[in-house]
Amino acid sequence: MPGEWVTVAVRERIEALMLRGLLAAAGLPVRLLGEALGNIYGLNTGPLGLVQVQVPAEAAGQAREILAAGFQEEAGHER
């Protein structure tokens, strides 16, 4: 069981779900905080629709590297 969880990204619900999939595909445990609020109240955008993407503290560095690499690849496709 992981101990402390840390936030590696804060995004709107749809993007948070994609990031969760990206991190899970890399084998990292990941959870979303705030997702239920958006589902209950229909908040998908704006400050109240934000979701925290969290991983265990010991995996935070690896998660941030994966997310950074993913965003670099995305930026490269837009050129």
C-alpha atoms as a PDB file:
ATOM      1  CA  MET A   1       0.000   0.000   0.000  1.00  0.00           C
ATOM      2  CA  PRO A   2       1.315   3.417  -0.868  1.00  0.00           C
ATOM      3  CA  GLY A   3       1.823   5.883   1.951  1.00  0.00           C
ATOM      4  CA  GLU A   4       1.556   9.590   1.234  1.00  0.00           C
ATOM      5  CA  TRP A   5      -0.005  10.693  -2.065  1.00  0.00           C
ATOM      6  CA  VAL A   6       1.105  13.873  -3.852  1.00  0.00           C
ATOM      7  CA  THR A   7      -0.533  15.934  -6.564  1.00  0.00           C
ATOM      8  CA  VAL A   8       1.375  15.916  -9.864  1.00  0.00           C
ATOM      9  CA  ALA A   9      -1.227  17.778 -11.944  1.00  0.00           C
ATOM     10  CA  VAL A  10      -4.471  19.698 -11.580  1.00  0.00           C
ATOM     11  CA  ARG A  11      -6.638  19.617 -14.678  1.00  0.00           C
ATOM     12  CA  GLU A  12     -10.228  19.680 -15.855  1.00  0.00           C
ATOM     13  CA  ARG A  13     -11.946  16.286 -15.561  1.00  0.00           C
ATOM     14  CA  ILE A  14     -11.471  15.029 -19.129  1.00  0.00           C
ATOM     15  CA  GLU A  15      -7.758  15.827 -19.196  1.00  0.00           C
ATOM     16  CA  ALA A  16      -7.310  14.373 -15.696  1.00  0.00           C
ATOM     17  CA  LEU A  17      -8.844  11.117 -16.925  1.00  0.00           C
ATOM     18  CA  MET A  18      -6.382  11.032 -19.822  1.00  0.00           C
ATOM     19  CA  LEU A  19      -3.446  11.704 -17.506  1.00  0.00           C
ATOM     20  CA  ARG A  20      -4.637   8.941 -15.180  1.00  0.00           C
ATOM     21  CA  GLY A  21      -4.633   6.544 -18.136  1.00  0.00           C
ATOM     22  CA  LEU A  22      -1.154   7.648 -19.202  1.00  0.00           C
ATOM     23  CA  LEU A  23       0.294   7.136 -15.724  1.00  0.00           C
ATOM     24  CA  ALA A  24      -1.541   3.848 -15.168  1.00  0.00           C
ATOM     25  CA  ALA A  25      -0.234   2.551 -18.506  1.00  0.00           C
ATOM     26  CA  ALA A  26       3.275   3.223 -17.181  1.00  0.00           C
ATOM     27  CA  GLY A  27       2.459   1.017 -14.183  1.00  0.00           C
ATOM     28  CA  LEU A  28       2.042   3.777 -11.611  1.00  0.00           C
ATOM     29  CA  PRO A  29      -0.715   3.766  -8.994  1.00  0.00           C
ATOM     30  CA  VAL A  30      -2.821   6.868  -9.583  1.00  0.00           C
ATOM     31  CA  ARG A  31      -5.959   8.405  -8.111  1.00  0.00           C
ATOM     32  CA  LEU A  32      -8.107  11.422  -8.874  1.00  0.00           C
ATOM     33  CA  LEU A  33      -9.388  13.812  -6.196  1.00  0.00           C
ATOM     34  CA  GLY A  34     -12.328  16.067  -6.893  1.00  0.00           C
ATOM     35  CA  GLU A  35     -13.756  13.912  -9.669  1.00  0.00           C
ATOM     36  CA  ALA A  36     -16.907  13.040  -7.714  1.00  0.00           C
ATOM     37  CA  LEU A  37     -17.764  16.714  -7.200  1.00  0.00           C
ATOM     38  CA  GLY A  38     -17.780  17.270 -10.946  1.00  0.00           C
ATOM     39  CA  ASN A  39     -19.967  14.225 -11.520  1.00  0.00           C
ATOM     40  CA  ILE A  40     -22.481  15.183  -8.836  1.00  0.00           C
ATOM     41  CA  TYR A  41     -22.845  18.835  -9.771  1.00  0.00           C
ATOM     42  CA  GLY A  42     -22.033  18.616 -13.484  1.00  0.00           C
ATOM     43  CA  LEU A  43     -18.947  20.789 -13.105  1.00  0.00           C
ATOM     44  CA  ASN A  44     -16.552  19.978 -15.922  1.00  0.00           C
ATOM     45  CA  THR A  45     -14.848  23.314 -16.454  1.00  0.00           C
ATOM     46  CA  GLY A  46     -13.624  26.204 -14.388  1.00  0.00           C
ATOM     47  CA  PRO A  47     -12.132  26.171 -10.906  1.00  0.00           C
ATOM     48  CA  LEU A  48     -14.871  24.012  -9.392  1.00  0.00           C
ATOM     49  CA  GLY A  49     -14.406  21.394 -12.103  1.00  0.00           C
ATOM     50  CA  LEU A  50     -10.702  20.854 -11.459  1.00  0.00           C
ATOM     51  CA  VAL A  51      -9.419  17.416 -10.516  1.00  0.00           C
ATOM     52  CA  GLN A  52      -6.140  16.594  -8.755  1.00  0.00           C
ATOM     53  CA  VAL A  53      -4.084  13.781 -10.291  1.00  0.00           C
ATOM     54  CA  GLN A  54      -2.193  12.073  -7.467  1.00  0.00           C
ATOM     55  CA  VAL A  55       0.454   9.365  -7.209  1.00  0.00           C
ATOM     56  CA  PRO A  56       2.354   7.924  -4.235  1.00  0.00           C
ATOM     57  CA  ALA A  57       5.127  10.281  -3.100  1.00  0.00           C
ATOM     58  CA  GLU A  58       7.847   7.821  -4.105  1.00  0.00           C
ATOM     59  CA  ALA A  59       6.522   7.779  -7.699  1.00  0.00           C
ATOM     60  CA  ALA A  60       6.093  11.555  -8.070  1.00  0.00           C
ATOM     61  CA  GLY A  61       9.376  12.143  -9.899  1.00  0.00           C
ATOM     62  CA  GLN A  62       8.683   9.404 -12.422  1.00  0.00           C
ATOM     63  CA  ALA A  63       5.102  10.638 -12.903  1.00  0.00           C
ATOM     64  CA  ARG A  64       6.267  14.198 -13.572  1.00  0.00           C
ATOM     65  CA  GLU A  65       8.794  12.928 -16.127  1.00  0.00           C
ATOM     66  CA  ILE A  66       6.086  10.916 -17.909  1.00  0.00           C
ATOM     67  CA  LEU A  67       3.726  13.892 -17.955  1.00  0.00           C
ATOM     68  CA  ALA A  68       6.449  16.243 -19.204  1.00  0.00           C
ATOM     69  CA  ALA A  69       7.395  13.820 -21.979  1.00  0.00           C
ATOM     70  CA  GLY A  70       3.747  13.440 -22.955  1.00  0.00           C
ATOM     71  CA  PHE A  71       3.286  17.195 -23.269  1.00  0.00           C
ATOM     72  CA  GLN A  72       6.509  17.532 -25.294  1.00  0.00           C
ATOM     73  CA  GLU A  73       5.272  14.875 -27.722  1.00  0.00           C
ATOM     74  CA  GLU A  74       1.901  16.624 -27.998  1.00  0.00           C
ATOM     75  CA  ALA A  75       3.582  19.949 -28.748  1.00  0.00           C
ATOM     76  CA  GLY A  76       5.722  18.271 -31.405  1.00  0.00           C
ATOM     77  CA  HIS A  77       2.657  16.983 -33.264  1.00  0.00           C
ATOM     78  CA  GLU A  78       1.211  20.480 -33.614  1.00  0.00           C
ATOM     79  CA  ARG A  79       4.100  21.755 -35.663  1.00  0.00           C
END
